């Protein structure tokens, strides 16, 4: 429950920061219609989803064959992994933990992007 609440807070924080940036850009460029702000929020959502998508694809290059991030461990663990003498159970446990953390951040970005696009749509419907 606590992690779900933390996830929700991060999603809302990403969304609020992106919406604030769009609003500031709109004020600087003197947007006057709701459609202009709606378009800005839509493109901010697309950009946020793109960052999440590129991050999801780019993260695979940082992984070793074992599915764990190499530089997040001590030198002794790295040597054991390279030599192939690491406990397979510990390897699988660490791999699932690290991959789950990365997946959560991508889900946060995609949900924030969807919220931005939804807010942009609702602006055109309401105003």
N, C-alpha and C. Protein backbone atom coordinates (compact mmCIF):
# COMPACT_ATOMS: atom_id res chain seq x y z
N UNK A 1 0.82 -1.19 0.00
CA UNK A 1 0.00 0.00 0.00
C UNK A 1 0.87 1.26 0.00
N UNK A 2 1.95 1.18 0.78
CA UNK A 2 2.84 2.33 0.87
C UNK A 2 3.54 2.57 -0.46
N UNK A 3 3.95 1.50 -1.14
CA UNK A 3 4.61 1.67 -2.43
C UNK A 3 3.63 2.16 -3.49
N UNK A 4 2.38 1.74 -3.41
CA UNK A 4 1.38 2.22 -4.35
C UNK A 4 1.14 3.72 -4.16
N UNK A 5 1.10 4.15 -2.92
CA UNK A 5 0.93 5.58 -2.64
C UNK A 5 2.13 6.38 -3.13
N UNK A 6 3.33 5.84 -2.92
CA UNK A 6 4.54 6.50 -3.40
C UNK A 6 4.54 6.58 -4.93
N UNK A 7 4.09 5.52 -5.58
CA UNK A 7 3.99 5.51 -7.04
C UNK A 7 3.01 6.57 -7.53
N UNK A 8 1.88 6.68 -6.86
CA UNK A 8 0.86 7.67 -7.23
C UNK A 8 1.39 9.10 -7.04
N UNK A 9 2.11 9.33 -5.96
CA UNK A 9 2.67 10.66 -5.70
C UNK A 9 3.68 11.03 -6.78
N UNK A 10 4.53 10.08 -7.17
CA UNK A 10 5.52 10.35 -8.21
C UNK A 10 4.85 10.64 -9.55
N UNK A 11 3.81 9.89 -9.87
CA UNK A 11 3.08 10.12 -11.12
C UNK A 11 2.48 11.52 -11.12
N UNK A 12 1.83 11.89 -10.03
CA UNK A 12 1.23 13.22 -9.95
C UNK A 12 2.30 14.31 -9.97
N UNK A 13 3.45 14.04 -9.38
CA UNK A 13 4.53 15.02 -9.39
C UNK A 13 5.08 15.21 -10.80
N UNK A 14 5.32 14.12 -11.52
CA UNK A 14 5.77 14.22 -12.92
C UNK A 14 4.76 15.00 -13.75
N UNK A 15 3.48 14.69 -13.57
CA UNK A 15 2.42 15.34 -14.34
C UNK A 15 2.36 16.83 -14.00
N UNK A 16 2.43 17.17 -12.73
CA UNK A 16 2.35 18.57 -12.32
C UNK A 16 3.55 19.37 -12.83
N UNK A 17 4.73 18.79 -12.76
CA UNK A 17 5.92 19.49 -13.24
C UNK A 17 5.83 19.73 -14.74
N UNK A 18 5.42 18.71 -15.49
CA UNK A 18 5.30 18.86 -16.94
C UNK A 18 4.22 19.88 -17.30
N UNK A 19 3.09 19.85 -16.60
CA UNK A 19 2.02 20.80 -16.87
C UNK A 19 2.46 22.23 -16.53
N UNK A 20 3.22 22.38 -15.47
CA UNK A 20 3.74 23.70 -15.10
C UNK A 20 4.70 24.23 -16.16
N UNK A 21 5.55 23.35 -16.67
CA UNK A 21 6.49 23.77 -17.71
C UNK A 21 5.73 24.20 -18.97
N UNK A 22 4.68 23.45 -19.33
CA UNK A 22 3.87 23.82 -20.49
C UNK A 22 3.18 25.16 -20.24
N UNK A 23 2.66 25.36 -19.04
CA UNK A 23 1.99 26.63 -18.73
C UNK A 23 2.97 27.80 -18.80
N UNK A 24 4.19 27.61 -18.30
CA UNK A 24 5.19 28.67 -18.38
C UNK A 24 5.57 28.97 -19.83
N UNK A 25 5.71 27.93 -20.63
CA UNK A 25 6.01 28.14 -22.05
C UNK A 25 4.86 28.89 -22.71
N UNK A 26 3.63 28.53 -22.36
CA UNK A 26 2.47 29.21 -22.90
C UNK A 26 2.42 30.68 -22.51
N UNK A 27 2.81 30.98 -21.30
CA UNK A 27 2.83 32.38 -20.86
C UNK A 27 3.93 33.17 -21.55
N UNK A 28 5.09 32.53 -21.74
CA UNK A 28 6.20 33.22 -22.41
C UNK A 28 5.85 33.52 -23.86
N UNK A 29 5.23 32.54 -24.54
CA UNK A 29 4.88 32.74 -25.95
C UNK A 29 3.49 33.34 -26.15
N UNK A 30 2.87 33.71 -25.05
CA UNK A 30 1.57 34.40 -25.05
C UNK A 30 0.48 33.64 -25.80
N UNK A 31 0.33 32.36 -25.40
CA UNK A 31 -0.77 31.59 -25.96
C UNK A 31 -2.06 32.17 -25.41
N UNK A 32 -3.07 32.30 -26.25
CA UNK A 32 -4.31 32.94 -25.81
C UNK A 32 -5.51 32.02 -25.84
N UNK A 33 -5.42 30.90 -26.50
CA UNK A 33 -6.59 30.02 -26.58
C UNK A 33 -6.33 28.73 -25.81
N UNK A 34 -7.43 28.10 -25.45
CA UNK A 34 -7.33 26.82 -24.75
C UNK A 34 -6.77 25.73 -25.66
N UNK A 35 -7.00 25.87 -26.94
CA UNK A 35 -6.49 24.87 -27.89
C UNK A 35 -4.96 24.90 -27.92
N UNK A 36 -4.36 26.06 -27.80
CA UNK A 36 -2.90 26.15 -27.78
C UNK A 36 -2.33 25.46 -26.54
N UNK A 37 -2.96 25.67 -25.39
CA UNK A 37 -2.50 24.98 -24.18
C UNK A 37 -2.76 23.49 -24.28
N UNK A 38 -3.88 23.11 -24.87
CA UNK A 38 -4.20 21.70 -25.06
C UNK A 38 -3.16 21.02 -25.94
N UNK A 39 -2.80 21.70 -27.02
CA UNK A 39 -1.77 21.15 -27.90
C UNK A 39 -0.42 21.03 -27.18
N UNK A 40 -0.10 22.02 -26.37
CA UNK A 40 1.13 21.96 -25.59
C UNK A 40 1.16 20.79 -24.64
N UNK A 41 0.04 20.56 -23.96
CA UNK A 41 -0.03 19.42 -23.04
C UNK A 41 0.04 18.09 -23.80
N UNK A 42 -0.59 18.05 -24.97
CA UNK A 42 -0.53 16.83 -25.77
C UNK A 42 0.91 16.52 -26.15
N UNK A 43 1.63 17.52 -26.65
CA UNK A 43 3.01 17.28 -27.08
C UNK A 43 3.94 17.01 -25.89
N UNK A 44 3.64 17.59 -24.75
CA UNK A 44 4.41 17.27 -23.55
C UNK A 44 4.20 15.82 -23.16
N UNK A 45 2.95 15.34 -23.28
CA UNK A 45 2.66 13.94 -23.00
C UNK A 45 3.36 13.01 -23.97
N UNK A 46 3.37 13.39 -25.24
CA UNK A 46 4.07 12.58 -26.24
C UNK A 46 5.57 12.55 -25.94
N UNK A 47 6.14 13.68 -25.57
CA UNK A 47 7.56 13.74 -25.25
C UNK A 47 7.88 12.89 -24.02
N UNK A 48 7.03 12.95 -23.01
CA UNK A 48 7.25 12.16 -21.80
C UNK A 48 7.16 10.67 -22.10
N UNK A 49 6.19 10.29 -22.91
CA UNK A 49 6.07 8.88 -23.30
C UNK A 49 7.27 8.46 -24.14
N UNK A 50 7.76 9.35 -24.98
CA UNK A 50 8.95 9.04 -25.78
C UNK A 50 10.19 8.84 -24.93
N UNK A 51 10.33 9.66 -23.90
CA UNK A 51 11.46 9.49 -22.99
C UNK A 51 11.36 8.14 -22.28
N UNK A 52 10.17 7.78 -21.87
CA UNK A 52 9.98 6.49 -21.22
C UNK A 52 10.27 5.33 -22.17
N UNK A 53 9.84 5.47 -23.41
CA UNK A 53 10.06 4.42 -24.41
C UNK A 53 11.54 4.30 -24.74
N UNK A 54 12.20 5.42 -24.95
CA UNK A 54 13.64 5.37 -25.23
C UNK A 54 14.41 4.82 -24.03
N UNK A 55 13.97 5.18 -22.84
CA UNK A 55 14.61 4.64 -21.64
C UNK A 55 14.43 3.15 -21.52
N UNK A 56 13.25 2.66 -21.88
CA UNK A 56 12.99 1.23 -21.80
C UNK A 56 13.86 0.46 -22.78
N UNK A 57 14.03 1.01 -23.98
CA UNK A 57 14.87 0.33 -24.96
C UNK A 57 16.35 0.50 -24.64
N UNK A 58 16.73 1.68 -24.18
CA UNK A 58 18.13 1.94 -23.88
C UNK A 58 18.62 1.22 -22.65
N UNK A 59 17.73 0.89 -21.72
CA UNK A 59 18.12 0.22 -20.49
C UNK A 59 18.60 -1.20 -20.77
N UNK A 60 18.11 -1.81 -21.84
CA UNK A 60 18.53 -3.17 -22.15
C UNK A 60 20.00 -3.24 -22.50
N UNK A 61 20.57 -2.17 -23.01
CA UNK A 61 21.99 -2.17 -23.34
C UNK A 61 22.87 -2.16 -22.10
N UNK A 62 22.36 -1.68 -20.99
CA UNK A 62 23.14 -1.60 -19.76
C UNK A 62 23.15 -2.91 -18.98
N UNK A 63 22.38 -3.89 -19.43
CA UNK A 63 22.27 -5.13 -18.69
C UNK A 63 23.29 -6.16 -19.19
N UNK A 64 23.78 -6.95 -18.27
CA UNK A 64 24.63 -8.07 -18.66
C UNK A 64 23.77 -9.27 -19.00
N UNK A 65 24.40 -10.35 -19.39
CA UNK A 65 23.66 -11.56 -19.71
C UNK A 65 22.86 -12.06 -18.53
N UNK A 66 23.31 -11.79 -17.33
CA UNK A 66 22.62 -12.27 -16.15
C UNK A 66 21.37 -11.45 -15.84
N UNK A 67 21.19 -10.32 -16.51
CA UNK A 67 20.03 -9.48 -16.26
C UNK A 67 20.22 -8.54 -15.10
N UNK A 68 21.44 -8.35 -14.65
CA UNK A 68 21.69 -7.43 -13.54
C UNK A 68 22.57 -6.30 -14.02
N UNK A 69 22.46 -5.19 -13.38
CA UNK A 69 23.30 -4.05 -13.75
C UNK A 69 24.69 -4.26 -13.14
N UNK A 70 25.68 -4.20 -14.00
CA UNK A 70 27.04 -4.55 -13.61
C UNK A 70 27.64 -3.58 -12.62
N UNK A 71 27.43 -2.31 -12.80
CA UNK A 71 28.13 -1.32 -11.98
C UNK A 71 27.45 -1.04 -10.64
N UNK A 72 26.36 -1.72 -10.34
CA UNK A 72 25.67 -1.50 -9.08
C UNK A 72 26.14 -2.45 -7.99
N UNK A 73 27.19 -3.18 -8.21
CA UNK A 73 27.63 -4.17 -7.24
C UNK A 73 29.06 -3.86 -6.81
N UNK A 74 29.48 -4.58 -5.78
CA UNK A 74 30.84 -4.40 -5.28
C UNK A 74 31.84 -5.05 -6.24
N UNK A 75 33.11 -4.71 -6.13
CA UNK A 75 34.11 -5.33 -7.02
C UNK A 75 34.18 -6.85 -6.87
N UNK A 76 33.99 -7.36 -5.64
CA UNK A 76 34.03 -8.80 -5.44
C UNK A 76 32.86 -9.48 -6.15
N UNK A 77 31.68 -8.85 -6.09
CA UNK A 77 30.53 -9.43 -6.78
C UNK A 77 30.72 -9.40 -8.29
N UNK A 78 31.31 -8.32 -8.79
CA UNK A 78 31.57 -8.23 -10.24
C UNK A 78 32.54 -9.32 -10.68
N UNK A 79 33.60 -9.55 -9.89
CA UNK A 79 34.56 -10.60 -10.25
C UNK A 79 33.90 -11.97 -10.23
N UNK A 80 33.06 -12.20 -9.21
CA UNK A 80 32.37 -13.49 -9.12
C UNK A 80 31.44 -13.68 -10.31
N UNK A 81 30.76 -12.63 -10.72
CA UNK A 81 29.85 -12.72 -11.86
C UNK A 81 30.61 -12.98 -13.15
N UNK A 82 31.72 -12.28 -13.32
CA UNK A 82 32.52 -12.48 -14.53
C UNK A 82 33.13 -13.87 -14.58
N UNK A 83 33.49 -14.41 -13.42
CA UNK A 83 34.07 -15.75 -13.36
C UNK A 83 33.00 -16.84 -13.46
N UNK A 84 31.74 -16.46 -13.28
CA UNK A 84 30.66 -17.44 -13.39
C UNK A 84 30.46 -18.27 -12.14
N UNK A 85 30.91 -17.81 -10.97
CA UNK A 85 30.79 -18.58 -9.74
C UNK A 85 29.73 -18.02 -8.81
N UNK A 86 28.88 -17.16 -9.30
CA UNK A 86 27.85 -16.56 -8.45
C UNK A 86 26.71 -17.54 -8.23
N UNK A 87 26.09 -17.46 -7.07
CA UNK A 87 24.94 -18.30 -6.74
C UNK A 87 23.78 -17.95 -7.67
N UNK A 88 23.23 -18.91 -8.40
CA UNK A 88 22.14 -18.60 -9.35
C UNK A 88 20.88 -18.05 -8.66
N UNK A 89 20.61 -18.50 -7.44
CA UNK A 89 19.43 -18.01 -6.72
C UNK A 89 19.58 -16.53 -6.40
N UNK A 90 20.75 -16.12 -5.91
CA UNK A 90 21.01 -14.72 -5.61
C UNK A 90 20.99 -13.89 -6.89
N UNK A 91 21.50 -14.46 -7.96
CA UNK A 91 21.52 -13.77 -9.24
C UNK A 91 20.10 -13.48 -9.73
N UNK A 92 19.22 -14.46 -9.64
CA UNK A 92 17.84 -14.28 -10.09
C UNK A 92 17.10 -13.29 -9.21
N UNK A 93 17.34 -13.36 -7.90
CA UNK A 93 16.67 -12.45 -6.98
C UNK A 93 17.07 -11.00 -7.24
N UNK A 94 18.35 -10.75 -7.42
CA UNK A 94 18.83 -9.40 -7.68
C UNK A 94 18.35 -8.91 -9.04
N UNK A 95 18.35 -9.80 -10.01
CA UNK A 95 17.91 -9.43 -11.35
C UNK A 95 16.46 -8.98 -11.36
N UNK A 96 15.58 -9.74 -10.70
CA UNK A 96 14.17 -9.37 -10.69
C UNK A 96 13.93 -8.08 -9.92
N UNK A 97 14.71 -7.85 -8.87
CA UNK A 97 14.57 -6.61 -8.10
C UNK A 97 14.96 -5.40 -8.94
N UNK A 98 16.10 -5.46 -9.62
CA UNK A 98 16.57 -4.34 -10.41
C UNK A 98 15.69 -4.09 -11.63
N UNK A 99 15.24 -5.14 -12.28
CA UNK A 99 14.38 -4.97 -13.44
C UNK A 99 13.02 -4.42 -13.04
N UNK A 100 12.53 -4.79 -11.85
CA UNK A 100 11.27 -4.26 -11.36
C UNK A 100 11.34 -2.78 -11.09
N UNK A 101 12.48 -2.32 -10.58
CA UNK A 101 12.64 -0.89 -10.33
C UNK A 101 12.62 -0.09 -11.62
N UNK A 102 13.28 -0.60 -12.64
CA UNK A 102 13.29 0.08 -13.93
C UNK A 102 11.91 0.10 -14.55
N UNK A 103 11.19 -1.01 -14.43
CA UNK A 103 9.85 -1.09 -14.99
C UNK A 103 8.92 -0.10 -14.33
N UNK A 104 9.03 0.07 -13.02
CA UNK A 104 8.19 1.04 -12.31
C UNK A 104 8.41 2.46 -12.82
N UNK A 105 9.65 2.82 -13.09
CA UNK A 105 9.89 4.18 -13.57
C UNK A 105 9.30 4.39 -14.96
N UNK A 106 9.32 3.37 -15.81
CA UNK A 106 8.73 3.50 -17.14
C UNK A 106 7.21 3.57 -17.05
N UNK A 107 6.64 2.81 -16.16
CA UNK A 107 5.18 2.87 -15.96
C UNK A 107 4.78 4.26 -15.46
N UNK A 108 5.57 4.82 -14.56
CA UNK A 108 5.28 6.17 -14.06
C UNK A 108 5.29 7.18 -15.19
N UNK A 109 6.28 7.10 -16.07
CA UNK A 109 6.35 8.04 -17.19
C UNK A 109 5.18 7.87 -18.14
N UNK A 110 4.80 6.64 -18.44
CA UNK A 110 3.69 6.42 -19.36
C UNK A 110 2.36 6.87 -18.77
N UNK A 111 2.15 6.63 -17.49
CA UNK A 111 0.90 7.07 -16.87
C UNK A 111 0.86 8.60 -16.79
N UNK A 112 2.01 9.22 -16.49
CA UNK A 112 2.06 10.68 -16.48
C UNK A 112 1.79 11.24 -17.87
N UNK A 113 2.33 10.60 -18.88
CA UNK A 113 2.08 11.04 -20.25
C UNK A 113 0.61 10.92 -20.60
N UNK A 114 -0.01 9.82 -20.21
CA UNK A 114 -1.44 9.65 -20.48
C UNK A 114 -2.27 10.70 -19.74
N UNK A 115 -1.88 11.03 -18.52
CA UNK A 115 -2.59 12.07 -17.77
C UNK A 115 -2.46 13.43 -18.43
N UNK A 116 -1.28 13.75 -18.93
CA UNK A 116 -1.08 15.02 -19.62
C UNK A 116 -1.96 15.11 -20.87
N UNK A 117 -1.99 14.04 -21.63
CA UNK A 117 -2.82 14.03 -22.84
C UNK A 117 -4.29 14.14 -22.47
N UNK A 118 -4.70 13.46 -21.40
CA UNK A 118 -6.09 13.54 -20.94
C UNK A 118 -6.43 14.95 -20.47
N UNK A 119 -5.54 15.58 -19.74
CA UNK A 119 -5.78 16.95 -19.29
C UNK A 119 -5.90 17.89 -20.48
N UNK A 120 -5.04 17.70 -21.48
CA UNK A 120 -5.12 18.51 -22.69
C UNK A 120 -6.45 18.33 -23.40
N UNK A 121 -6.94 17.10 -23.46
CA UNK A 121 -8.23 16.84 -24.09
C UNK A 121 -9.36 17.48 -23.29
N UNK A 122 -9.30 17.36 -21.97
CA UNK A 122 -10.36 17.92 -21.13
C UNK A 122 -10.38 19.45 -21.21
N UNK A 123 -9.23 20.07 -21.42
CA UNK A 123 -9.21 21.53 -21.58
C UNK A 123 -10.00 21.94 -22.79
N UNK A 124 -9.89 21.20 -23.90
CA UNK A 124 -10.63 21.57 -25.10
C UNK A 124 -12.12 21.28 -24.94
N UNK A 125 -12.48 20.28 -24.17
CA UNK A 125 -13.89 19.95 -23.96
C UNK A 125 -14.55 20.96 -23.03
N UNK A 126 -13.87 21.33 -21.95
CA UNK A 126 -14.45 22.21 -20.94
C UNK A 126 -14.45 23.67 -21.42
N UNK A 127 -13.36 24.11 -22.01
CA UNK A 127 -13.26 25.51 -22.42
C UNK A 127 -13.59 25.59 -23.88
